[in-house]
Every structure is written in C-alpha cells, then in structure tokens.
Amino acid sequence: MIEKRRIGLKFCGGCNPRHDRVDTATQIKERLKDKVEFVSHEEADIEGILIVAGCPTICVDRAPFGDRPVWTVASPEDAERFIDEMGKTL
C-alpha cells in the first residue's frame, strides 16, 4: 500500500473571491484522494501547505508555516497544475 502525502489545507479569508474556493478544494481532494490526505494546516506532521485563495493576491500570512513547502491555488487553472504536480510525485 502506498503511503499518502499529508498536506495541510488553508483557505484565504475570501474577501475578493473570483472563483469558488471550497468547490476548487473539493475537486482537488477528490482527484488526489488516492495520493494525498488533506488535513488542517495546523497539524504538526504535514509535508507542506496548500493555500486555496479566491484571487491572485493570495494574501494569506505564510510566516506561521515556517520552512515547509507552500503551494498556492488561486484559480481552477492553478488547481489543475497542482493536481498534475502531485500526480507526478508518487
């Protein structure tokens, strides 16, 4: 059995949504369900953070994430790129 990657999920505040962030995250989770386990961004044992933002500003404060990798999705096109990247790594 292949071990899933554990990635923390963080949403922006939604002040300027240009797409449905929750729907985008749901699609990402569904398409990567065999490879990635999405958990709270506050979990201690995660590999990195996926920020799902509603606009290209992606104003989420990244300081709390330390030196962990951070991926950002601010559009459905970004979501496709993230899914492709995660699909190639396992």
N, C-alpha and C. Protein backbone atom coordinates (compact mmCIF):
# COMPACT_ATOMS: atom_id res chain seq x y z
N MET A 1 0.84 -1.20 0.00
CA MET A 1 0.00 0.00 0.00
C MET A 1 0.88 1.25 0.00
N ILE A 2 0.54 2.19 -0.85
CA ILE A 2 1.30 3.43 -0.96
C ILE A 2 0.86 4.38 0.14
N GLU A 3 1.85 4.94 0.82
CA GLU A 3 1.54 5.91 1.86
C GLU A 3 1.17 7.25 1.21
N LYS A 4 0.10 7.83 1.70
CA LYS A 4 -0.35 9.11 1.16
C LYS A 4 0.49 10.25 1.71
N ARG A 5 0.65 11.28 0.91
CA ARG A 5 1.28 12.51 1.38
C ARG A 5 0.26 13.21 2.28
N ARG A 6 0.75 13.85 3.34
CA ARG A 6 -0.12 14.63 4.23
C ARG A 6 0.17 16.11 4.00
N ILE A 7 -0.84 16.81 3.50
CA ILE A 7 -0.69 18.22 3.17
C ILE A 7 -1.76 19.00 3.91
N GLY A 8 -1.33 20.09 4.57
CA GLY A 8 -2.25 20.96 5.27
C GLY A 8 -2.99 21.85 4.30
N LEU A 9 -4.26 22.06 4.56
CA LEU A 9 -5.11 22.88 3.69
C LEU A 9 -5.47 24.17 4.42
N LYS A 10 -5.24 25.29 3.75
CA LYS A 10 -5.53 26.61 4.31
C LYS A 10 -6.29 27.43 3.27
N PHE A 11 -7.41 28.02 3.68
CA PHE A 11 -8.18 28.90 2.81
C PHE A 11 -7.87 30.35 3.15
N CYS A 12 -7.94 31.21 2.15
CA CYS A 12 -7.84 32.65 2.41
C CYS A 12 -9.15 33.09 3.06
N GLY A 13 -9.23 34.37 3.41
CA GLY A 13 -10.42 34.90 4.06
C GLY A 13 -11.60 35.13 3.14
N GLY A 14 -11.39 35.07 1.84
CA GLY A 14 -12.48 35.20 0.89
C GLY A 14 -12.97 36.62 0.65
N CYS A 15 -12.10 37.61 0.87
CA CYS A 15 -12.55 39.00 0.73
C CYS A 15 -12.78 39.42 -0.73
N ASN A 16 -12.15 38.72 -1.68
CA ASN A 16 -12.29 39.08 -3.09
C ASN A 16 -12.39 37.82 -3.95
N PRO A 17 -13.38 36.97 -3.69
CA PRO A 17 -13.44 35.69 -4.39
C PRO A 17 -13.77 35.83 -5.88
N ARG A 18 -12.92 35.25 -6.69
CA ARG A 18 -13.16 35.24 -8.14
C ARG A 18 -13.53 33.84 -8.62
N HIS A 19 -13.44 32.89 -7.71
CA HIS A 19 -13.90 31.53 -8.01
C HIS A 19 -14.31 30.90 -6.69
N ASP A 20 -15.00 29.78 -6.75
CA ASP A 20 -15.50 29.10 -5.57
C ASP A 20 -14.36 28.29 -4.94
N ARG A 21 -13.75 28.83 -3.92
CA ARG A 21 -12.59 28.20 -3.27
C ARG A 21 -12.93 26.83 -2.71
N VAL A 22 -14.09 26.72 -2.10
CA VAL A 22 -14.49 25.44 -1.49
C VAL A 22 -14.69 24.39 -2.57
N ASP A 23 -15.33 24.75 -3.66
CA ASP A 23 -15.53 23.81 -4.76
C ASP A 23 -14.18 23.39 -5.36
N THR A 24 -13.29 24.34 -5.53
CA THR A 24 -11.96 24.03 -6.07
C THR A 24 -11.23 23.05 -5.15
N ALA A 25 -11.25 23.30 -3.85
CA ALA A 25 -10.59 22.41 -2.89
C ALA A 25 -11.24 21.03 -2.91
N THR A 26 -12.55 20.98 -3.01
CA THR A 26 -13.26 19.70 -3.06
C THR A 26 -12.83 18.90 -4.28
N GLN A 27 -12.71 19.56 -5.41
CA GLN A 27 -12.28 18.87 -6.63
C GLN A 27 -10.84 18.37 -6.49
N ILE A 28 -9.97 19.17 -5.92
CA ILE A 28 -8.58 18.76 -5.71
C ILE A 28 -8.55 17.52 -4.81
N LYS A 29 -9.27 17.59 -3.70
CA LYS A 29 -9.28 16.46 -2.76
C LYS A 29 -9.80 15.19 -3.43
N GLU A 30 -10.85 15.31 -4.20
CA GLU A 30 -11.44 14.14 -4.86
C GLU A 30 -10.46 13.53 -5.87
N ARG A 31 -9.84 14.36 -6.65
CA ARG A 31 -8.95 13.86 -7.71
C ARG A 31 -7.65 13.29 -7.16
N LEU A 32 -7.24 13.73 -5.97
CA LEU A 32 -5.99 13.25 -5.39
C LEU A 32 -6.22 12.31 -4.21
N LYS A 33 -7.43 11.84 -4.02
CA LYS A 33 -7.78 11.07 -2.82
C LYS A 33 -6.92 9.83 -2.62
N ASP A 34 -6.38 9.27 -3.68
CA ASP A 34 -5.54 8.08 -3.53
C ASP A 34 -4.08 8.41 -3.23
N LYS A 35 -3.70 9.68 -3.36
CA LYS A 35 -2.30 10.07 -3.20
C LYS A 35 -2.04 11.05 -2.07
N VAL A 36 -3.06 11.85 -1.74
CA VAL A 36 -2.86 12.93 -0.76
C VAL A 36 -3.97 12.91 0.28
N GLU A 37 -3.57 13.05 1.52
CA GLU A 37 -4.53 13.25 2.61
C GLU A 37 -4.43 14.72 3.00
N PHE A 38 -5.52 15.45 2.83
CA PHE A 38 -5.55 16.86 3.20
C PHE A 38 -6.05 16.97 4.63
N VAL A 39 -5.30 17.68 5.45
CA VAL A 39 -5.61 17.85 6.86
C VAL A 39 -5.51 19.33 7.21
N SER A 40 -5.77 19.67 8.44
CA SER A 40 -5.64 21.06 8.88
C SER A 40 -4.21 21.55 8.70
N HIS A 41 -4.10 22.80 8.31
CA HIS A 41 -2.76 23.40 8.16
C HIS A 41 -2.05 23.53 9.51
N GLU A 42 -2.77 23.31 10.60
CA GLU A 42 -2.19 23.41 11.93
C GLU A 42 -1.61 22.09 12.44
N GLU A 43 -1.78 21.01 11.68
CA GLU A 43 -1.22 19.70 12.07
C GLU A 43 0.31 19.80 12.11
N ALA A 44 0.90 19.05 13.01
CA ALA A 44 2.37 19.11 13.18
C ALA A 44 3.11 18.27 12.16
N ASP A 45 2.55 17.17 11.74
CA ASP A 45 3.29 16.22 10.90
C ASP A 45 2.87 16.27 9.43
N ILE A 46 2.86 17.48 8.86
CA ILE A 46 2.50 17.63 7.46
C ILE A 46 3.74 17.98 6.64
N GLU A 47 3.67 17.62 5.39
CA GLU A 47 4.78 17.85 4.47
C GLU A 47 4.83 19.30 3.99
N GLY A 48 3.68 19.91 3.83
CA GLY A 48 3.60 21.27 3.32
C GLY A 48 2.17 21.78 3.43
N ILE A 49 1.95 22.96 2.88
CA ILE A 49 0.66 23.64 2.97
C ILE A 49 0.14 23.95 1.58
N LEU A 50 -1.14 23.68 1.35
CA LEU A 50 -1.82 24.14 0.14
C LEU A 50 -2.72 25.29 0.54
N ILE A 51 -2.46 26.45 -0.02
CA ILE A 51 -3.32 27.62 0.19
C ILE A 51 -4.28 27.71 -0.99
N VAL A 52 -5.58 27.72 -0.69
CA VAL A 52 -6.59 27.91 -1.74
C VAL A 52 -7.16 29.30 -1.53
N ALA A 53 -6.85 30.17 -2.48
CA ALA A 53 -7.22 31.58 -2.39
C ALA A 53 -8.27 31.92 -3.44
N GLY A 54 -9.03 32.96 -3.17
CA GLY A 54 -10.08 33.38 -4.08
C GLY A 54 -9.64 34.33 -5.17
N CYS A 55 -8.42 34.85 -5.07
CA CYS A 55 -7.92 35.79 -6.09
C CYS A 55 -6.40 35.68 -6.17
N PRO A 56 -5.80 36.27 -7.17
CA PRO A 56 -4.35 36.16 -7.37
C PRO A 56 -3.49 36.85 -6.31
N THR A 57 -4.08 37.66 -5.47
CA THR A 57 -3.31 38.34 -4.42
C THR A 57 -2.72 37.35 -3.43
N ILE A 58 -3.45 36.32 -3.11
CA ILE A 58 -3.04 35.26 -2.17
C ILE A 58 -2.40 35.91 -0.93
N CYS A 59 -3.19 36.66 -0.20
CA CYS A 59 -2.69 37.46 0.91
C CYS A 59 -2.55 36.72 2.23
N VAL A 60 -2.65 35.40 2.22
CA VAL A 60 -2.52 34.61 3.44
C VAL A 60 -1.11 34.78 4.01
N ASP A 61 -1.04 35.03 5.31
CA ASP A 61 0.25 35.15 6.00
C ASP A 61 0.94 33.79 6.03
N ARG A 62 2.10 33.69 5.43
CA ARG A 62 2.83 32.42 5.36
C ARG A 62 3.82 32.23 6.49
N ALA A 63 4.04 33.24 7.30
CA ALA A 63 5.02 33.15 8.39
C ALA A 63 4.77 31.97 9.32
N PRO A 64 3.53 31.66 9.68
CA PRO A 64 3.30 30.52 10.58
C PRO A 64 3.70 29.17 10.00
N PHE A 65 3.90 29.09 8.69
CA PHE A 65 4.20 27.82 8.05
C PHE A 65 5.69 27.47 8.09
N GLY A 66 6.50 28.41 8.58
CA GLY A 66 7.93 28.15 8.70
C GLY A 66 8.56 27.83 7.36
N ASP A 67 9.40 26.81 7.37
CA ASP A 67 10.13 26.48 6.14
C ASP A 67 9.48 25.35 5.34
N ARG A 68 8.25 25.02 5.69
CA ARG A 68 7.54 23.99 4.93
C ARG A 68 7.24 24.49 3.52
N PRO A 69 7.18 23.58 2.56
CA PRO A 69 6.76 23.99 1.21
C PRO A 69 5.33 24.53 1.24
N VAL A 70 5.08 25.52 0.41
CA VAL A 70 3.74 26.10 0.28
C VAL A 70 3.37 26.10 -1.20
N TRP A 71 2.23 25.51 -1.50
CA TRP A 71 1.67 25.55 -2.85
C TRP A 71 0.47 26.48 -2.80
N THR A 72 0.23 27.20 -3.89
CA THR A 72 -0.90 28.13 -3.92
C THR A 72 -1.80 27.83 -5.12
N VAL A 73 -3.09 27.96 -4.88
CA VAL A 73 -4.10 27.80 -5.91
C VAL A 73 -5.01 29.01 -5.82
N ALA A 74 -5.08 29.79 -6.90
CA ALA A 74 -5.93 30.97 -6.91
C ALA A 74 -6.90 30.96 -8.09
N SER A 75 -6.98 29.81 -8.77
CA SER A 75 -7.89 29.68 -9.92
C SER A 75 -8.04 28.20 -10.25
N PRO A 76 -9.04 27.86 -11.03
CA PRO A 76 -9.17 26.46 -11.46
C PRO A 76 -7.94 25.99 -12.26
N GLU A 77 -7.32 26.89 -13.00
CA GLU A 77 -6.12 26.53 -13.75
C GLU A 77 -4.96 26.19 -12.81
N ASP A 78 -4.82 26.96 -11.74
CA ASP A 78 -3.81 26.65 -10.72
C ASP A 78 -4.08 25.28 -10.11
N ALA A 79 -5.35 24.98 -9.89
CA ALA A 79 -5.72 23.68 -9.32
C ALA A 79 -5.27 22.55 -10.23
N GLU A 80 -5.45 22.71 -11.53
CA GLU A 80 -5.01 21.69 -12.48
C GLU A 80 -3.50 21.49 -12.41
N ARG A 81 -2.76 22.58 -12.31
CA ARG A 81 -1.30 22.48 -12.21
C ARG A 81 -0.89 21.75 -10.93
N PHE A 82 -1.54 22.07 -9.82
CA PHE A 82 -1.23 21.41 -8.55
C PHE A 82 -1.54 19.92 -8.63
N ILE A 83 -2.68 19.58 -9.19
CA ILE A 83 -3.07 18.17 -9.33
C ILE A 83 -2.04 17.43 -10.19
N ASP A 84 -1.62 18.05 -11.29
CA ASP A 84 -0.62 17.43 -12.14
C ASP A 84 0.69 17.21 -11.39
N GLU A 85 1.13 18.23 -10.64
CA GLU A 85 2.38 18.14 -9.88
C GLU A 85 2.32 17.03 -8.85
N MET A 86 1.23 16.96 -8.10
CA MET A 86 1.10 15.93 -7.07
C MET A 86 0.98 14.54 -7.71
N GLY A 87 0.34 14.47 -8.85
CA GLY A 87 0.19 13.19 -9.53
C GLY A 87 1.50 12.62 -10.02
N LYS A 88 2.45 13.48 -10.32
CA LYS A 88 3.76 13.04 -10.83
C LYS A 88 4.72 12.64 -9.73
N THR A 89 4.46 13.07 -8.52
CA THR A 89 5.43 12.84 -7.45
C THR A 89 5.28 11.50 -6.76
N LEU A 90 4.20 10.80 -6.96
CA LEU A 90 4.04 9.48 -6.34
C LEU A 90 3.77 8.44 -7.40
